[in-house]
Amino acid sequence: MSMVNLSLAQLHELTCSVLRANNTSEANAQAVARALVAAEADGQKGHGASRIPSYAAQSRSGKVDGFAAPSCTEIGPGAVRIDARCGFAYPALELAIEALRQRAPESVVALASIGNSHHSGVAAHHVAPLAKAGLIGLSFGNGPQGIAPWGGNKGLFGTNPVAFAAPRAQAPPLVIDMSLSKVARGKVNVAAQRGEFIPEG
């Protein structure tokens, strides 16, 4: 496998170009590119450029609707439901983050649920903007079967990522992001793409 070095700006444009060529709107391609480039910049390669081929294939095949526009429905004071409409998660997440930023200062606690969504990437990136706005952010996600129970060899549980972010005085926000599995599946996927072995156990 040959290596190619790209700047983050070049990676952003490459991601957009690939997605646009595979049944994705410009707005959605931009949102996905922002997320994948941010993952690469943070060293989270399992959620970065390694996802471009699968995202493009899923949009091309119709597994994800690359032209879907998420909608936001108010379901109570400080609570919204975001329907991703079987599209990419990132446009829906951006909509949710903005809704929470607007509602939390007034309602003290605000909640956004997202349904009918595709893969959501680095959970830290969904809560960090809230902490930068002076809020505490919590994110909980679910996932398909992929993690075997102790002693097993067949996936039964999802990795179900959890993230937390809080502002700090005179310091960057505290951000914690973890998978509930021993290792994030994205890291295993990257090793498989590179033909690398993963540690025993």
N, C-alpha and C. Protein backbone atom coordinates (compact mmCIF):
# COMPACT_ATOMS: atom_id res chain seq x y z
N MET A 1 0.85 -1.18 0.00
CA MET A 1 0.00 0.00 0.00
C MET A 1 0.89 1.24 0.00
N SER A 2 0.69 2.15 -0.96
CA SER A 2 1.50 3.37 -1.02
C SER A 2 0.83 4.46 -0.19
N MET A 3 1.66 5.33 0.39
CA MET A 3 1.17 6.41 1.24
C MET A 3 1.14 7.70 0.44
N VAL A 4 0.11 8.50 0.69
CA VAL A 4 -0.02 9.82 0.07
C VAL A 4 -0.22 10.83 1.19
N ASN A 5 0.52 11.91 1.17
CA ASN A 5 0.36 12.96 2.17
C ASN A 5 -0.50 14.08 1.62
N LEU A 6 -1.56 14.41 2.35
CA LEU A 6 -2.45 15.50 1.97
C LEU A 6 -2.56 16.47 3.13
N SER A 7 -2.76 17.74 2.81
CA SER A 7 -3.08 18.69 3.86
C SER A 7 -4.53 18.43 4.29
N LEU A 8 -4.92 18.98 5.43
CA LEU A 8 -6.32 18.81 5.87
C LEU A 8 -7.28 19.44 4.87
N ALA A 9 -6.89 20.56 4.29
CA ALA A 9 -7.75 21.22 3.28
C ALA A 9 -7.89 20.33 2.04
N GLN A 10 -6.79 19.71 1.63
CA GLN A 10 -6.85 18.80 0.47
C GLN A 10 -7.71 17.58 0.78
N LEU A 11 -7.59 17.06 2.00
CA LEU A 11 -8.41 15.91 2.38
C LEU A 11 -9.88 16.28 2.39
N HIS A 12 -10.18 17.49 2.87
CA HIS A 12 -11.57 17.95 2.87
C HIS A 12 -12.12 17.98 1.44
N GLU A 13 -11.35 18.56 0.53
CA GLU A 13 -11.83 18.66 -0.85
C GLU A 13 -11.92 17.28 -1.50
N LEU A 14 -10.97 16.39 -1.22
CA LEU A 14 -11.03 15.03 -1.77
C LEU A 14 -12.28 14.31 -1.27
N THR A 15 -12.55 14.43 0.01
CA THR A 15 -13.73 13.77 0.59
C THR A 15 -15.00 14.28 -0.07
N CYS A 16 -15.11 15.58 -0.20
CA CYS A 16 -16.30 16.16 -0.85
C CYS A 16 -16.43 15.67 -2.29
N SER A 17 -15.32 15.66 -3.01
CA SER A 17 -15.34 15.24 -4.41
C SER A 17 -15.79 13.79 -4.56
N VAL A 18 -15.25 12.91 -3.71
CA VAL A 18 -15.63 11.49 -3.77
C VAL A 18 -17.11 11.32 -3.44
N LEU A 19 -17.57 11.99 -2.41
CA LEU A 19 -18.98 11.84 -2.02
C LEU A 19 -19.92 12.42 -3.06
N ARG A 20 -19.59 13.59 -3.61
CA ARG A 20 -20.45 14.18 -4.66
C ARG A 20 -20.56 13.24 -5.85
N ALA A 21 -19.48 12.52 -6.16
CA ALA A 21 -19.49 11.58 -7.29
C ALA A 21 -20.26 10.30 -6.96
N ASN A 22 -20.69 10.17 -5.72
CA ASN A 22 -21.39 8.95 -5.28
C ASN A 22 -22.71 9.29 -4.58
N ASN A 23 -23.54 10.04 -5.27
CA ASN A 23 -24.92 10.31 -4.84
C ASN A 23 -25.03 11.03 -3.50
N THR A 24 -24.24 12.08 -3.33
CA THR A 24 -24.31 12.87 -2.10
C THR A 24 -24.41 14.35 -2.46
N SER A 25 -25.31 15.06 -1.78
CA SER A 25 -25.46 16.49 -2.02
C SER A 25 -24.24 17.25 -1.53
N GLU A 26 -24.06 18.46 -2.04
CA GLU A 26 -22.93 19.30 -1.64
C GLU A 26 -22.96 19.57 -0.14
N ALA A 27 -24.12 19.92 0.40
CA ALA A 27 -24.22 20.25 1.83
C ALA A 27 -23.85 19.04 2.68
N ASN A 28 -24.33 17.87 2.31
CA ASN A 28 -24.02 16.67 3.09
C ASN A 28 -22.56 16.27 2.94
N ALA A 29 -22.02 16.42 1.72
CA ALA A 29 -20.60 16.12 1.51
C ALA A 29 -19.73 17.02 2.38
N GLN A 30 -20.10 18.28 2.49
CA GLN A 30 -19.34 19.22 3.32
C GLN A 30 -19.39 18.82 4.79
N ALA A 31 -20.57 18.45 5.28
CA ALA A 31 -20.71 18.06 6.69
C ALA A 31 -19.91 16.80 6.99
N VAL A 32 -19.97 15.83 6.09
CA VAL A 32 -19.22 14.58 6.29
C VAL A 32 -17.72 14.88 6.24
N ALA A 33 -17.30 15.71 5.30
CA ALA A 33 -15.88 16.05 5.18
C ALA A 33 -15.38 16.74 6.44
N ARG A 34 -16.16 17.65 7.00
CA ARG A 34 -15.74 18.33 8.23
C ARG A 34 -15.48 17.30 9.34
N ALA A 35 -16.37 16.32 9.44
CA ALA A 35 -16.24 15.30 10.50
C ALA A 35 -15.04 14.39 10.26
N LEU A 36 -14.86 13.91 9.04
CA LEU A 36 -13.76 12.99 8.76
C LEU A 36 -12.41 13.68 8.88
N VAL A 37 -12.32 14.92 8.45
CA VAL A 37 -11.07 15.67 8.55
C VAL A 37 -10.75 15.97 10.01
N ALA A 38 -11.77 16.31 10.81
CA ALA A 38 -11.54 16.55 12.25
C ALA A 38 -11.04 15.28 12.93
N ALA A 39 -11.56 14.13 12.52
CA ALA A 39 -11.09 12.86 13.09
C ALA A 39 -9.63 12.62 12.73
N GLU A 40 -9.28 12.85 11.48
CA GLU A 40 -7.87 12.69 11.07
C GLU A 40 -6.98 13.65 11.85
N ALA A 41 -7.41 14.90 12.00
CA ALA A 41 -6.61 15.90 12.70
C ALA A 41 -6.37 15.50 14.16
N ASP A 42 -7.33 14.78 14.73
CA ASP A 42 -7.21 14.32 16.12
C ASP A 42 -6.53 12.96 16.25
N GLY A 43 -6.09 12.40 15.12
CA GLY A 43 -5.43 11.10 15.16
C GLY A 43 -6.37 9.92 15.29
N GLN A 44 -7.68 10.16 15.06
CA GLN A 44 -8.67 9.09 15.15
C GLN A 44 -8.92 8.51 13.76
N LYS A 45 -7.93 7.81 13.25
CA LYS A 45 -7.97 7.35 11.86
C LYS A 45 -9.11 6.38 11.58
N GLY A 46 -9.56 5.67 12.59
CA GLY A 46 -10.69 4.76 12.40
C GLY A 46 -11.98 5.47 12.04
N HIS A 47 -12.03 6.78 12.29
CA HIS A 47 -13.21 7.58 11.96
C HIS A 47 -12.88 8.68 10.95
N GLY A 48 -11.71 8.59 10.33
CA GLY A 48 -11.28 9.62 9.40
C GLY A 48 -11.34 9.16 7.95
N ALA A 49 -10.24 9.38 7.24
CA ALA A 49 -10.19 9.09 5.80
C ALA A 49 -10.45 7.62 5.49
N SER A 50 -10.18 6.74 6.44
CA SER A 50 -10.43 5.31 6.20
C SER A 50 -11.91 5.03 5.94
N ARG A 51 -12.78 5.95 6.31
CA ARG A 51 -14.23 5.77 6.11
C ARG A 51 -14.71 6.21 4.72
N ILE A 52 -13.89 6.94 4.01
CA ILE A 52 -14.34 7.48 2.72
C ILE A 52 -14.85 6.39 1.77
N PRO A 53 -14.08 5.29 1.55
CA PRO A 53 -14.58 4.27 0.61
C PRO A 53 -15.93 3.67 1.02
N SER A 54 -16.09 3.35 2.31
CA SER A 54 -17.35 2.72 2.73
C SER A 54 -18.50 3.72 2.69
N TYR A 55 -18.26 4.97 3.09
CA TYR A 55 -19.32 5.97 3.03
C TYR A 55 -19.78 6.18 1.59
N ALA A 56 -18.81 6.28 0.68
CA ALA A 56 -19.15 6.50 -0.74
C ALA A 56 -19.93 5.30 -1.29
N ALA A 57 -19.48 4.09 -0.96
CA ALA A 57 -20.17 2.89 -1.44
C ALA A 57 -21.59 2.81 -0.89
N GLN A 58 -21.75 3.18 0.38
CA GLN A 58 -23.08 3.11 1.00
C GLN A 58 -24.02 4.16 0.41
N SER A 59 -23.50 5.33 0.08
CA SER A 59 -24.32 6.35 -0.57
C SER A 59 -24.66 5.94 -2.00
N ARG A 60 -23.67 5.40 -2.71
CA ARG A 60 -23.88 4.97 -4.09
C ARG A 60 -24.93 3.86 -4.16
N SER A 61 -24.90 2.93 -3.20
CA SER A 61 -25.83 1.80 -3.23
C SER A 61 -27.22 2.13 -2.67
N GLY A 62 -27.33 3.27 -1.98
CA GLY A 62 -28.61 3.63 -1.37
C GLY A 62 -28.76 3.18 0.06
N LYS A 63 -27.73 2.54 0.62
CA LYS A 63 -27.80 2.15 2.03
C LYS A 63 -27.95 3.39 2.91
N VAL A 64 -27.32 4.49 2.50
CA VAL A 64 -27.51 5.79 3.14
C VAL A 64 -27.97 6.75 2.06
N ASP A 65 -28.92 7.64 2.39
CA ASP A 65 -29.44 8.61 1.43
C ASP A 65 -28.55 9.85 1.48
N GLY A 66 -27.71 10.00 0.48
CA GLY A 66 -26.77 11.12 0.44
C GLY A 66 -27.42 12.46 0.23
N PHE A 67 -28.70 12.47 -0.14
CA PHE A 67 -29.41 13.73 -0.38
C PHE A 67 -30.40 14.06 0.74
N ALA A 68 -30.44 13.24 1.78
CA ALA A 68 -31.39 13.46 2.88
C ALA A 68 -31.08 14.77 3.60
N ALA A 69 -32.14 15.50 3.96
CA ALA A 69 -31.99 16.72 4.76
C ALA A 69 -32.64 16.46 6.11
N PRO A 70 -31.88 16.50 7.20
CA PRO A 70 -32.47 16.19 8.50
C PRO A 70 -33.51 17.23 8.92
N SER A 71 -34.46 16.80 9.74
CA SER A 71 -35.49 17.70 10.25
C SER A 71 -35.44 17.72 11.76
N CYS A 72 -35.88 18.83 12.35
CA CYS A 72 -35.88 19.02 13.80
C CYS A 72 -37.29 19.30 14.27
N THR A 73 -37.78 18.49 15.22
CA THR A 73 -39.12 18.67 15.78
C THR A 73 -39.01 18.93 17.27
N GLU A 74 -39.63 20.02 17.74
CA GLU A 74 -39.63 20.32 19.16
C GLU A 74 -40.64 19.41 19.83
N ILE A 75 -40.21 18.66 20.85
CA ILE A 75 -41.12 17.72 21.52
C ILE A 75 -41.41 18.13 22.96
N GLY A 76 -40.85 19.23 23.39
CA GLY A 76 -41.10 19.74 24.74
C GLY A 76 -40.11 20.84 25.04
N PRO A 77 -40.26 21.51 26.19
CA PRO A 77 -39.32 22.57 26.55
C PRO A 77 -37.89 22.01 26.62
N GLY A 78 -37.04 22.51 25.76
CA GLY A 78 -35.64 22.07 25.77
C GLY A 78 -35.40 20.70 25.19
N ALA A 79 -36.36 20.14 24.49
CA ALA A 79 -36.19 18.79 23.92
C ALA A 79 -36.57 18.79 22.44
N VAL A 80 -35.69 18.20 21.63
CA VAL A 80 -35.95 18.10 20.19
C VAL A 80 -35.67 16.69 19.70
N ARG A 81 -36.38 16.34 18.64
CA ARG A 81 -36.13 15.07 17.97
C ARG A 81 -35.62 15.39 16.57
N ILE A 82 -34.45 14.85 16.25
CA ILE A 82 -33.87 15.05 14.92
C ILE A 82 -34.07 13.77 14.12
N ASP A 83 -34.65 13.90 12.96
CA ASP A 83 -34.81 12.78 12.04
C ASP A 83 -33.75 12.93 10.95
N ALA A 84 -32.79 12.02 10.92
CA ALA A 84 -31.73 12.08 9.91
C ALA A 84 -32.22 11.59 8.56
N ARG A 85 -33.41 11.00 8.53
CA ARG A 85 -34.06 10.56 7.28
C ARG A 85 -33.21 9.58 6.49
N CYS A 86 -32.57 8.67 7.21
CA CYS A 86 -31.73 7.63 6.60
C CYS A 86 -30.52 8.20 5.87
N GLY A 87 -30.11 9.39 6.29
CA GLY A 87 -28.95 10.03 5.69
C GLY A 87 -27.74 9.94 6.60
N PHE A 88 -26.68 10.62 6.20
CA PHE A 88 -25.47 10.68 7.01
C PHE A 88 -25.78 11.33 8.36
N ALA A 89 -25.07 10.89 9.38
CA ALA A 89 -25.32 11.39 10.74
C ALA A 89 -24.86 12.84 10.91
N TYR A 90 -23.79 13.24 10.23
CA TYR A 90 -23.16 14.52 10.53
C TYR A 90 -24.04 15.74 10.29
N PRO A 91 -24.83 15.81 9.22
CA PRO A 91 -25.76 16.95 9.10
C PRO A 91 -26.78 16.96 10.25
N ALA A 92 -27.25 15.79 10.67
CA ALA A 92 -28.20 15.70 11.78
C ALA A 92 -27.53 16.12 13.09
N LEU A 93 -26.29 15.71 13.28
CA LEU A 93 -25.56 16.08 14.49
C LEU A 93 -25.32 17.58 14.55
N GLU A 94 -24.97 18.18 13.43
CA GLU A 94 -24.76 19.63 13.41
C GLU A 94 -26.06 20.36 13.75
N LEU A 95 -27.17 19.85 13.26
CA LEU A 95 -28.49 20.43 13.57
C LEU A 95 -28.79 20.28 15.06
N ALA A 96 -28.48 19.13 15.62
CA ALA A 96 -28.72 18.88 17.05
C ALA A 96 -27.86 19.77 17.93
N ILE A 97 -26.58 19.91 17.58
CA ILE A 97 -25.67 20.74 18.37
C ILE A 97 -26.18 22.19 18.41
N GLU A 98 -26.60 22.69 17.27
CA GLU A 98 -27.11 24.07 17.22
C GLU A 98 -28.40 24.21 18.02
N ALA A 99 -29.28 23.22 17.94
CA ALA A 99 -30.53 23.26 18.71
C ALA A 99 -30.23 23.25 20.21
N LEU A 100 -29.27 22.45 20.64
CA LEU A 100 -28.92 22.39 22.06
C LEU A 100 -28.27 23.68 22.52
N ARG A 101 -27.41 24.25 21.70
CA ARG A 101 -26.75 25.52 22.05
C ARG A 101 -27.79 26.62 22.28
N GLN A 102 -28.84 26.61 21.48
CA GLN A 102 -29.87 27.63 21.60
C GLN A 102 -30.77 27.39 22.81
N ARG A 103 -31.11 26.13 23.08
CA ARG A 103 -32.11 25.82 24.10
C ARG A 103 -31.57 25.67 25.52
N ALA A 104 -30.36 25.16 25.66
CA ALA A 104 -29.83 24.87 27.00
C ALA A 104 -29.76 26.09 27.92
N PRO A 105 -29.32 27.26 27.45
CA PRO A 105 -29.26 28.40 28.37
C PRO A 105 -30.63 28.80 28.93
N GLU A 106 -31.69 28.56 28.17
CA GLU A 106 -33.04 28.93 28.63
C GLU A 106 -33.67 27.85 29.49
N SER A 107 -33.49 26.59 29.10
CA SER A 107 -34.19 25.50 29.80
C SER A 107 -33.31 24.81 30.85
N VAL A 108 -32.07 25.21 30.98
CA VAL A 108 -31.08 24.65 31.90
C VAL A 108 -30.62 23.26 31.44
N VAL A 109 -31.55 22.38 31.14
CA VAL A 109 -31.21 21.06 30.60
C VAL A 109 -31.88 20.94 29.23
N ALA A 110 -31.14 20.52 28.24
CA ALA A 110 -31.69 20.34 26.91
C ALA A 110 -31.30 18.96 26.39
N LEU A 111 -32.15 18.39 25.57
CA LEU A 111 -31.95 17.04 25.07
C LEU A 111 -32.28 16.98 23.59
N ALA A 112 -31.43 16.28 22.82
CA ALA A 112 -31.71 16.02 21.41
C ALA A 112 -31.54 14.53 21.17
N SER A 113 -32.54 13.93 20.55
CA SER A 113 -32.41 12.53 20.13
C SER A 113 -32.32 12.52 18.62
N ILE A 114 -31.53 11.59 18.09
CA ILE A 114 -31.36 11.48 16.64
C ILE A 114 -31.74 10.08 16.22
N GLY A 115 -32.61 9.97 15.24
CA GLY A 115 -33.03 8.67 14.73
C GLY A 115 -32.83 8.57 13.23
N ASN A 116 -32.93 7.36 12.70
CA ASN A 116 -32.81 7.08 11.27
C ASN A 116 -31.48 7.60 10.72
N SER A 117 -30.41 7.29 11.46
CA SER A 117 -29.12 7.89 11.18
C SER A 117 -28.08 6.85 10.78
N HIS A 118 -27.08 7.31 10.10
CA HIS A 118 -25.91 6.54 9.68
C HIS A 118 -24.84 6.63 10.77
N HIS A 119 -23.68 6.09 10.54
CA HIS A 119 -22.54 6.07 11.46
C HIS A 119 -22.19 7.48 11.93
N SER A 120 -21.94 7.64 13.25
CA SER A 120 -21.79 8.98 13.82
C SER A 120 -20.37 9.40 14.18
N GLY A 121 -19.37 8.58 13.91
CA GLY A 121 -17.99 9.01 14.05
C GLY A 121 -17.51 9.27 15.47
N VAL A 122 -16.66 10.27 15.63
CA VAL A 122 -16.02 10.59 16.91
C VAL A 122 -17.02 11.31 17.81
N ALA A 123 -17.45 10.65 18.87
CA ALA A 123 -18.47 11.22 19.76
C ALA A 123 -17.97 12.50 20.44
N ALA A 124 -16.67 12.59 20.70
CA ALA A 124 -16.13 13.80 21.33
C ALA A 124 -16.44 15.05 20.53
N HIS A 125 -16.47 14.91 19.22
CA HIS A 125 -16.72 16.07 18.36
C HIS A 125 -18.15 16.58 18.47
N HIS A 126 -19.05 15.78 19.03
CA HIS A 126 -20.44 16.22 19.18
C HIS A 126 -20.67 16.95 20.49
N VAL A 127 -19.81 16.71 21.49
CA VAL A 127 -19.98 17.36 22.79
C VAL A 127 -19.01 18.52 23.00
N ALA A 128 -17.86 18.49 22.36
CA ALA A 128 -16.86 19.56 22.54
C ALA A 128 -17.41 20.95 22.19
N PRO A 129 -18.18 21.11 21.10
CA PRO A 129 -18.71 22.45 20.80
C PRO A 129 -19.63 22.98 21.90
N LEU A 130 -20.31 22.08 22.59
CA LEU A 130 -21.19 22.51 23.69
C LEU A 130 -20.35 23.04 24.85
N ALA A 131 -19.26 22.34 25.17
CA ALA A 131 -18.38 22.80 26.24
C ALA A 131 -17.74 24.13 25.88
N LYS A 132 -17.39 24.31 24.63
CA LYS A 132 -16.80 25.59 24.19
C LYS A 132 -17.81 26.73 24.33
N ALA A 133 -19.10 26.39 24.32
CA ALA A 133 -20.16 27.38 24.50
C ALA A 133 -20.53 27.55 25.98
N GLY A 134 -19.75 26.90 26.88
CA GLY A 134 -20.00 27.04 28.30
C GLY A 134 -20.99 26.05 28.87
N LEU A 135 -21.32 25.02 28.12
CA LEU A 135 -22.30 24.02 28.55
C LEU A 135 -21.60 22.69 28.84
N ILE A 136 -22.29 21.82 29.56
CA ILE A 136 -21.82 20.45 29.76
C ILE A 136 -22.53 19.59 28.72
N GLY A 137 -21.79 18.77 28.02
CA GLY A 137 -22.38 17.92 26.99
C GLY A 137 -22.18 16.44 27.28
N LEU A 138 -23.22 15.67 27.05
CA LEU A 138 -23.17 14.21 27.16
C LEU A 138 -23.69 13.62 25.86
N SER A 139 -23.06 12.58 25.39
CA SER A 139 -23.50 11.91 24.16
C SER A 139 -23.50 10.40 24.39
N PHE A 140 -24.58 9.76 23.97
CA PHE A 140 -24.70 8.31 24.07
C PHE A 140 -25.11 7.79 22.70
N GLY A 141 -24.43 6.75 22.23
CA GLY A 141 -24.77 6.19 20.93
C GLY A 141 -24.94 4.69 21.02
N ASN A 142 -25.64 4.15 20.06
CA ASN A 142 -25.76 2.69 19.98
C ASN A 142 -25.06 2.22 18.71
N GLY A 143 -24.95 0.92 18.57
CA GLY A 143 -24.28 0.38 17.40
C GLY A 143 -24.71 -1.05 17.14
N PRO A 144 -24.40 -1.54 15.96
CA PRO A 144 -24.78 -2.91 15.62
C PRO A 144 -23.95 -3.94 16.39
N GLN A 145 -24.41 -5.17 16.37
CA GLN A 145 -23.66 -6.26 17.03
C GLN A 145 -22.26 -6.34 16.44
N GLY A 146 -21.26 -6.40 17.30
CA GLY A 146 -19.91 -6.50 16.80
C GLY A 146 -18.92 -6.96 17.86
N ILE A 147 -19.31 -6.89 19.12
CA ILE A 147 -18.40 -7.22 20.20
C ILE A 147 -18.84 -8.54 20.84
N ALA A 148 -17.93 -9.48 20.88
CA ALA A 148 -18.24 -10.78 21.49
C ALA A 148 -18.17 -10.67 23.01
N PRO A 149 -19.04 -11.37 23.73
CA PRO A 149 -18.92 -11.40 25.19
C PRO A 149 -17.67 -12.18 25.59
N TRP A 150 -17.25 -12.04 26.84
CA TRP A 150 -16.05 -12.72 27.34
C TRP A 150 -16.13 -14.22 27.03
N GLY A 151 -15.09 -14.73 26.38
CA GLY A 151 -15.05 -16.15 26.04
C GLY A 151 -15.76 -16.51 24.75
N GLY A 152 -16.42 -15.53 24.13
CA GLY A 152 -17.16 -15.81 22.90
C GLY A 152 -16.35 -15.48 21.67
N ASN A 153 -16.88 -15.85 20.50
CA ASN A 153 -16.21 -15.52 19.24
C ASN A 153 -17.18 -14.95 18.22
N LYS A 154 -18.39 -14.61 18.67
CA LYS A 154 -19.39 -14.03 17.77
C LYS A 154 -19.90 -12.72 18.37
N GLY A 155 -20.00 -11.69 17.53
CA GLY A 155 -20.46 -10.39 17.99
C GLY A 155 -21.88 -10.45 18.55
N LEU A 156 -22.06 -9.85 19.71
CA LEU A 156 -23.38 -9.81 20.35
C LEU A 156 -23.75 -8.40 20.77
N PHE A 157 -22.76 -7.62 21.23
CA PHE A 157 -23.01 -6.27 21.74
C PHE A 157 -22.51 -5.22 20.76
N GLY A 158 -23.10 -4.03 20.84
CA GLY A 158 -22.58 -2.89 20.12
C GLY A 158 -21.49 -2.22 20.94
N THR A 159 -20.69 -1.34 20.31
CA THR A 159 -19.65 -0.63 21.05
C THR A 159 -20.24 0.51 21.87
N ASN A 160 -21.43 0.98 21.51
CA ASN A 160 -22.20 1.96 22.28
C ASN A 160 -21.34 3.08 22.88
N PRO A 161 -20.79 3.96 22.04
CA PRO A 161 -19.88 4.99 22.53
C PRO A 161 -20.54 6.00 23.47
N VAL A 162 -19.74 6.53 24.39
CA VAL A 162 -20.16 7.53 25.36
C VAL A 162 -19.15 8.66 25.32
N ALA A 163 -19.63 9.90 25.35
CA ALA A 163 -18.71 11.05 25.40
C ALA A 163 -19.25 12.09 26.38
N PHE A 164 -18.31 12.84 26.96
CA PHE A 164 -18.63 13.86 27.95
C PHE A 164 -17.71 15.04 27.72
N ALA A 165 -18.23 16.26 27.85
CA ALA A 165 -17.38 17.45 27.75
C ALA A 165 -17.89 18.50 28.72
N ALA A 166 -16.96 19.21 29.35
CA ALA A 166 -17.31 20.27 30.30
C ALA A 166 -16.32 21.41 30.16
N PRO A 167 -16.80 22.65 30.28
CA PRO A 167 -15.88 23.78 30.22
C PRO A 167 -15.02 23.85 31.49
N ARG A 168 -13.82 24.45 31.37
CA ARG A 168 -12.95 24.66 32.52
C ARG A 168 -12.46 26.10 32.50
N ALA A 169 -12.23 26.65 33.68
CA ALA A 169 -11.71 28.01 33.78
C ALA A 169 -10.26 28.04 33.32
N GLN A 170 -9.95 28.97 32.44
CA GLN A 170 -8.58 29.18 31.93
C GLN A 170 -7.91 27.91 31.41
N ALA A 171 -8.69 27.04 30.81
CA ALA A 171 -8.14 25.81 30.21
C ALA A 171 -9.11 25.33 29.15
N PRO A 172 -8.60 24.57 28.18
CA PRO A 172 -9.52 24.00 27.19
C PRO A 172 -10.53 23.08 27.88
N PRO A 173 -11.67 22.84 27.24
CA PRO A 173 -12.68 21.96 27.85
C PRO A 173 -12.12 20.56 28.13
N LEU A 174 -12.63 19.94 29.17
CA LEU A 174 -12.35 18.54 29.45
C LEU A 174 -13.25 17.71 28.55
N VAL A 175 -12.66 16.83 27.75
CA VAL A 175 -13.44 16.01 26.82
C VAL A 175 -13.03 14.55 27.00
N ILE A 176 -14.01 13.69 27.24
CA ILE A 176 -13.77 12.26 27.40
C ILE A 176 -14.64 11.53 26.39
N ASP A 177 -14.05 10.58 25.67
CA ASP A 177 -14.76 9.84 24.63
C ASP A 177 -14.30 8.39 24.72
N MET A 178 -15.23 7.47 24.87
CA MET A 178 -14.82 6.07 24.97
C MET A 178 -15.86 5.13 24.37
N SER A 179 -15.35 4.01 23.94
CA SER A 179 -16.18 2.90 23.49
C SER A 179 -16.36 1.96 24.67
N LEU A 180 -17.49 1.29 24.73
CA LEU A 180 -17.71 0.35 25.82
C LEU A 180 -17.12 -1.02 25.53
N SER A 181 -16.41 -1.13 24.43
CA SER A 181 -15.69 -2.37 24.11
C SER A 181 -14.23 -2.21 24.53
N LYS A 182 -13.47 -3.29 24.50
CA LYS A 182 -12.05 -3.24 24.89
C LYS A 182 -11.27 -2.35 23.93
N VAL A 183 -11.66 -2.36 22.68
CA VAL A 183 -11.01 -1.52 21.67
C VAL A 183 -12.09 -1.04 20.70
N ALA A 184 -11.92 0.17 20.19
CA ALA A 184 -12.88 0.71 19.23
C ALA A 184 -12.80 -0.09 17.93
N ARG A 185 -13.95 -0.43 17.38
CA ARG A 185 -13.98 -1.23 16.16
C ARG A 185 -13.31 -0.51 14.99
N GLY A 186 -13.38 0.83 14.98
CA GLY A 186 -12.73 1.59 13.92
C GLY A 186 -11.23 1.32 13.85
N LYS A 187 -10.59 1.12 15.01
CA LYS A 187 -9.15 0.83 15.04
C LYS A 187 -8.87 -0.55 14.46
N VAL A 188 -9.75 -1.49 14.71
CA VAL A 188 -9.61 -2.83 14.13
C VAL A 188 -9.78 -2.75 12.62
N ASN A 189 -10.76 -1.94 12.17
CA ASN A 189 -11.00 -1.80 10.73
C ASN A 189 -9.78 -1.19 10.02
N VAL A 190 -9.15 -0.18 10.65
CA VAL A 190 -7.97 0.44 10.04
C VAL A 190 -6.84 -0.58 9.93
N ALA A 191 -6.63 -1.38 10.98
CA ALA A 191 -5.58 -2.41 10.94
C ALA A 191 -5.86 -3.41 9.82
N ALA A 192 -7.13 -3.79 9.65
CA ALA A 192 -7.50 -4.73 8.58
C ALA A 192 -7.22 -4.12 7.21
N GLN A 193 -7.54 -2.82 7.02
CA GLN A 193 -7.29 -2.16 5.74
C GLN A 193 -5.80 -2.13 5.41
N ARG A 194 -4.97 -2.00 6.44
CA ARG A 194 -3.52 -1.91 6.23
C ARG A 194 -2.84 -3.27 6.23
N GLY A 195 -3.60 -4.33 6.51
CA GLY A 195 -3.02 -5.65 6.59
C GLY A 195 -2.15 -5.84 7.81
N GLU A 196 -2.44 -5.08 8.89
CA GLU A 196 -1.65 -5.16 10.11
C GLU A 196 -2.29 -6.09 11.12
N PHE A 197 -1.48 -6.67 11.96
CA PHE A 197 -1.99 -7.51 13.05
C PHE A 197 -2.43 -6.63 14.20
N ILE A 198 -3.41 -7.11 14.96
CA ILE A 198 -3.82 -6.40 16.17
C ILE A 198 -3.25 -7.17 17.37
N PRO A 199 -3.06 -6.49 18.51
CA PRO A 199 -2.47 -7.18 19.66
C PRO A 199 -3.31 -8.38 20.12
N GLU A 200 -2.65 -9.39 20.65
CA GLU A 200 -3.32 -10.57 21.17
C GLU A 200 -4.32 -10.15 22.25
N GLY A 201 -5.54 -10.71 22.20
CA GLY A 201 -6.53 -10.40 23.22
C GLY A 201 -7.34 -9.18 22.92
